[in-house]
Protein backbone atom coordinates (compact mmCIF):
# COMPACT_ATOMS: atom_id res chain seq x y z
CA MET A 1 91.00 65.54 78.84
CA THR A 2 88.29 64.17 77.69
CA ASN A 3 86.97 67.62 76.82
CA ALA A 4 90.41 67.71 74.67
CA LEU A 5 89.85 64.12 72.68
CA ILE A 6 85.83 65.54 72.04
CA ILE A 7 87.05 68.49 70.56
CA SER A 8 89.67 67.18 68.46
CA SER A 9 87.70 64.69 67.32
CA ILE A 10 85.14 67.02 66.10
CA PHE A 11 88.22 69.19 64.58
CA SER A 12 89.70 66.13 62.58
CA TRP A 13 86.23 65.38 61.10
CA LEU A 14 85.22 68.88 60.10
CA MET A 15 89.05 68.86 58.09
CA ILE A 16 88.01 65.32 56.32
CA PHE A 17 84.49 66.94 55.81
CA GLY A 18 86.58 70.02 54.17
CA LEU A 19 88.88 68.30 52.85
CA ALA A 20 86.00 65.81 50.87
CA LEU A 21 84.44 68.88 49.89
CA SER A 22 87.47 70.61 48.32
CA VAL A 23 88.03 66.97 46.40
CA TRP A 24 84.36 67.14 44.91
CA ALA A 25 84.74 70.68 44.09
CA LEU A 26 87.91 69.82 42.29
CA ALA A 27 86.77 66.78 40.31
CA ARG A 28 83.31 69.07 39.63
CA GLN A 29 85.69 71.61 37.92
CA ILE A 30 88.11 68.73 35.90
CA GLY A 31 84.66 67.53 34.69
CA LEU A 32 83.68 71.36 33.03
CA LEU A 33 86.96 71.62 31.51
CA HIS A 34 86.55 68.74 29.70
CA GLU A 35 83.19 69.86 28.38
CA ARG A 36 84.65 73.04 27.93
CA ILE A 37 87.57 71.26 25.89
CA LYS A 38 87.17 70.64 22.22
CA PRO A 39 88.38 67.10 20.83
CA VAL A 40 91.70 67.93 18.37
CA GLY A 41 91.52 66.31 15.18
CA ALA A 42 94.75 65.30 12.67
CA LEU A 43 96.04 68.49 11.73
CA SER A 44 96.23 69.43 7.94
CA LEU A 45 99.66 70.76 7.18
CA GLY A 46 99.31 73.23 4.88
CA LYS A 47 102.13 71.17 2.32
CA THR A 48 100.80 68.76 1.49
CA ILE A 49 97.99 67.18 -0.60
CA LYS A 50 94.88 68.74 -0.72
CA THR A 51 91.35 67.33 0.30
CA GLY A 52 89.51 66.45 -3.39
CA GLU A 53 92.02 66.33 -5.49
CA ILE A 54 92.45 63.31 -7.42
CA ALA A 55 95.08 60.86 -4.85
CA PRO A 56 98.70 60.40 -7.26
CA ILE A 57 98.56 57.13 -8.76
CA PHE A 58 100.98 54.15 -8.12
CA THR A 59 101.65 50.45 -8.35
CA LEU A 60 104.87 48.85 -6.64
CA PRO A 61 105.59 45.76 -5.25
CA SER A 62 105.54 45.11 -1.63
CA LEU A 63 108.10 44.22 1.14
CA ASN A 64 105.76 41.89 1.93
CA GLY A 65 104.81 40.36 -1.50
CA GLY A 66 103.02 40.97 -4.61
CA SER A 67 102.67 44.15 -5.46
CA VAL A 68 100.10 47.10 -4.49
CA SER A 69 97.87 50.31 -6.33
CA ILE A 70 96.98 53.11 -4.02
CA GLY A 71 95.17 55.85 -6.00
CA GLY A 72 92.63 55.46 -9.13
CA GLY A 73 89.02 52.96 -8.07
CA ASN A 74 89.25 50.78 -6.41
CA ALA A 75 87.63 47.06 -7.14
CA GLN A 76 86.48 46.42 -3.97
CA ARG A 77 84.40 49.90 -3.21
CA GLN A 78 87.08 50.13 0.16
CA LEU A 79 88.69 52.99 1.64
CA THR A 80 92.22 53.35 1.43
CA LEU A 81 94.34 54.33 4.81
CA LEU A 82 97.93 55.01 3.87
CA PHE A 83 99.76 55.75 6.79
CA PHE A 84 103.16 57.02 6.20
CA LEU A 85 105.93 55.81 8.97
CA SER A 86 109.54 55.34 9.93
CA ASP A 87 110.95 52.27 11.10
CA THR A 88 112.70 54.77 13.50
CA CYS A 89 109.76 56.81 14.38
CA PRO A 90 108.52 56.46 17.97
CA VAL A 91 105.43 57.68 17.72
CA CYS A 92 104.54 55.52 14.84
CA LYS A 93 105.58 52.37 16.53
CA THR A 94 102.94 53.18 19.29
CA LEU A 95 100.42 53.93 16.51
CA LEU A 96 101.17 50.63 15.51
CA PRO A 97 98.56 48.45 17.80
CA VAL A 98 96.02 51.03 16.42
CA ILE A 99 96.78 50.50 13.49
CA LYS A 100 95.94 46.67 13.53
CA SER A 101 92.79 47.77 15.54
CA ILE A 102 91.19 49.38 12.67
CA GLN A 103 92.25 47.08 10.79
CA GLU A 104 91.15 44.29 11.90
CA HIS A 105 87.56 45.53 12.56
CA GLU A 106 87.12 47.83 8.95
CA ARG A 107 88.75 45.37 6.87
CA LEU A 108 85.89 45.01 4.15
CA ARG A 109 85.47 48.59 3.86
CA LEU A 110 89.05 49.78 4.80
CA ARG A 111 92.46 48.73 3.35
CA VAL A 112 95.70 50.66 5.73
CA VAL A 113 98.83 50.44 3.00
CA LEU A 114 101.94 51.52 5.07
CA ALA A 115 104.14 53.67 3.59
CA SER A 116 107.97 54.91 4.22
CA ASP A 117 111.43 54.92 2.43
CA GLY A 118 114.89 54.18 3.45
CA ASP A 119 117.44 50.88 3.87
CA VAL A 120 115.45 48.04 3.06
CA THR A 121 117.12 45.30 5.38
CA ALA A 122 115.98 47.99 8.36
CA HIS A 123 112.70 48.78 6.74
CA GLN A 124 111.95 44.11 6.82
CA ALA A 125 113.54 43.84 9.54
CA PHE A 126 110.93 46.36 11.45
CA ILE A 127 108.01 44.38 9.86
CA GLN A 128 109.55 40.91 11.49
CA THR A 129 109.84 43.25 14.92
CA HIS A 130 106.56 44.62 14.93
CA ARG A 131 104.16 41.65 13.09
CA LEU A 132 103.41 44.14 9.84
CA LYS A 133 103.32 40.61 7.01
CA ASP A 134 99.68 41.34 6.86
CA PHE A 135 100.08 45.31 5.63
CA PRO A 136 100.79 46.22 1.99
CA TYR A 137 103.85 47.88 2.78
CA LEU A 138 105.26 50.24 0.28
CA LEU A 139 108.77 51.60 0.95
CA SER A 140 109.28 54.53 -2.33
CA ARG A 141 110.50 58.26 -1.62
CA GLU A 142 108.43 59.08 -5.18
CA VAL A 143 105.76 58.07 -3.15
CA GLY A 144 106.15 60.64 0.19
CA VAL A 145 106.95 63.71 -2.85
CA ALA A 146 104.00 62.48 -4.48
CA TYR A 147 102.22 62.95 -1.32
CA GLN A 148 103.52 66.36 -0.53
CA ILE A 149 104.45 64.63 2.82
CA SER A 150 107.18 66.52 5.40
CA LYS A 151 106.09 65.34 8.94
CA LEU A 152 105.69 61.71 9.97
CA PRO A 153 103.91 59.71 11.17
CA TYR A 154 101.22 61.08 8.69
CA GLY A 155 98.14 59.66 7.13
CA VAL A 156 96.25 60.60 3.96
CA LEU A 157 92.43 58.97 3.39
CA ILE A 158 91.59 58.04 0.06
CA ASP A 159 87.84 57.16 -1.06
CA ALA A 160 86.60 54.02 -3.42
CA ALA A 161 87.08 56.44 -6.39
CA GLY A 162 90.49 57.62 -5.25
CA VAL A 163 90.26 60.69 -4.19
CA VAL A 164 91.67 62.11 -1.22
CA VAL A 165 88.64 62.55 1.36
CA THR A 166 91.05 63.72 4.16
CA HIS A 167 94.50 63.75 5.85
CA GLY A 168 96.49 65.20 8.91
CA LEU A 169 99.55 64.91 10.98
CA ILE A 170 98.55 62.05 13.55
CA ASN A 171 100.18 62.21 17.27
CA THR A 172 97.33 59.89 18.92
CA ARG A 173 94.44 57.34 18.58
CA GLU A 174 92.33 60.52 18.85
CA HIS A 175 94.00 62.08 15.40
CA LEU A 176 93.87 58.79 13.46
CA GLU A 177 89.76 58.29 14.76
CA SER A 178 89.24 62.19 13.22
CA LEU A 179 89.88 61.06 9.66
CA PHE A 180 87.67 58.71 9.72
CA GLU A 181 85.29 61.56 11.80
CA ALA A 182 85.90 64.46 9.53
CA LYS A 183 84.74 61.85 6.65
CA ALA A 184 81.54 61.41 7.67
CA MET A 185 80.70 64.72 8.85
CA GLY A 186 81.55 65.85 5.25
CA TYR A 187 84.39 68.25 6.35
CA PRO A 188 87.99 67.55 4.85
CA THR A 189 89.50 67.56 8.99
CA MET A 190 87.86 67.86 12.29
CA GLN A 191 89.65 71.66 12.46
CA GLU A 192 87.03 72.53 9.63
CA PHE A 193 84.36 71.14 11.33
CA GLN A 194 84.95 72.74 14.47
CA ALA A 195 85.17 76.24 12.56
CA ALA A 196 81.94 75.61 11.04
CA GLN A 197 79.91 74.55 14.44
CA ALA A 198 81.70 78.24 16.18
CA GLY A 199 80.56 79.75 13.12
CA THR A 200 76.73 78.63 13.15
CA LYS A 201 76.67 79.13 17.01
CA HIS A 202 78.12 82.86 16.01
CA SER A 203 75.45 83.66 14.04
CA LEU A 204 72.50 82.20 15.95
CA TYR A 205 73.49 84.23 18.69
CA LYS A 206 73.74 87.42 16.63
CA GLN A 207 69.75 86.35 15.56
CA VAL A 208 68.94 86.28 18.94
CA HIS A 209 70.59 89.20 20.08
C-alpha cells in the first residue's frame, strides 16, 4: 500500500513538472510570435486625400460655439488631427477616451478637430453624452467629400503649414498613435515605413550573400 502511494505521488509530481514545462514552452513560443508580428498602423485607403497634398481649407461654425479653420497655416504652429467620426459608430465611441488623452497630453503642439455630418440635434446629444464640449466639432458633409472620406473612423494629420502629413483608417489606439509615429519617422504611413525597412534588409541580405 505504501509503495503504491509513493509511486502515485512520484507520478503526480512528474505530471505537474511536465505540465509546467509545457506551459513554459508555450509562453516562449507566444513571445517569439509577438516579436515576429509587425505593428500594424492606420490603413491608408486608396481613394482618400494623398500625403503631401495641401489640405482643403474650410472655416466653419463649430457645434461647440465659435468657428474653426482647417487647412492653411496654423498661427500657433500646431499639428491638426482631423478626426472623422459618427454618432452611431461603436468604434468611434471606444476611441473617444484615447482622443481626449492625446489632446490633454499634446495640447501645446496638437489641435484635435472632430468632424461628421448628419442631424444637428443628434450630434448635440452625442457631444453632451460623451463630454466633447472642449473640442471643435464640425458638422459638414462638404468636409468629408473634400477629404474623400469613405469609411469611419478616419484620421488626417495636417502640419502647421496646412499640408497633409499622414492619414488612415483608425480602429484601435495603436492605429491612432501610428499616425504620429509615421510623421516622426518621415513616412506617409507605417506600412510604407515597414516596406522600406523590409527593402533595406533584403538589400543587405543580397550584399552579404
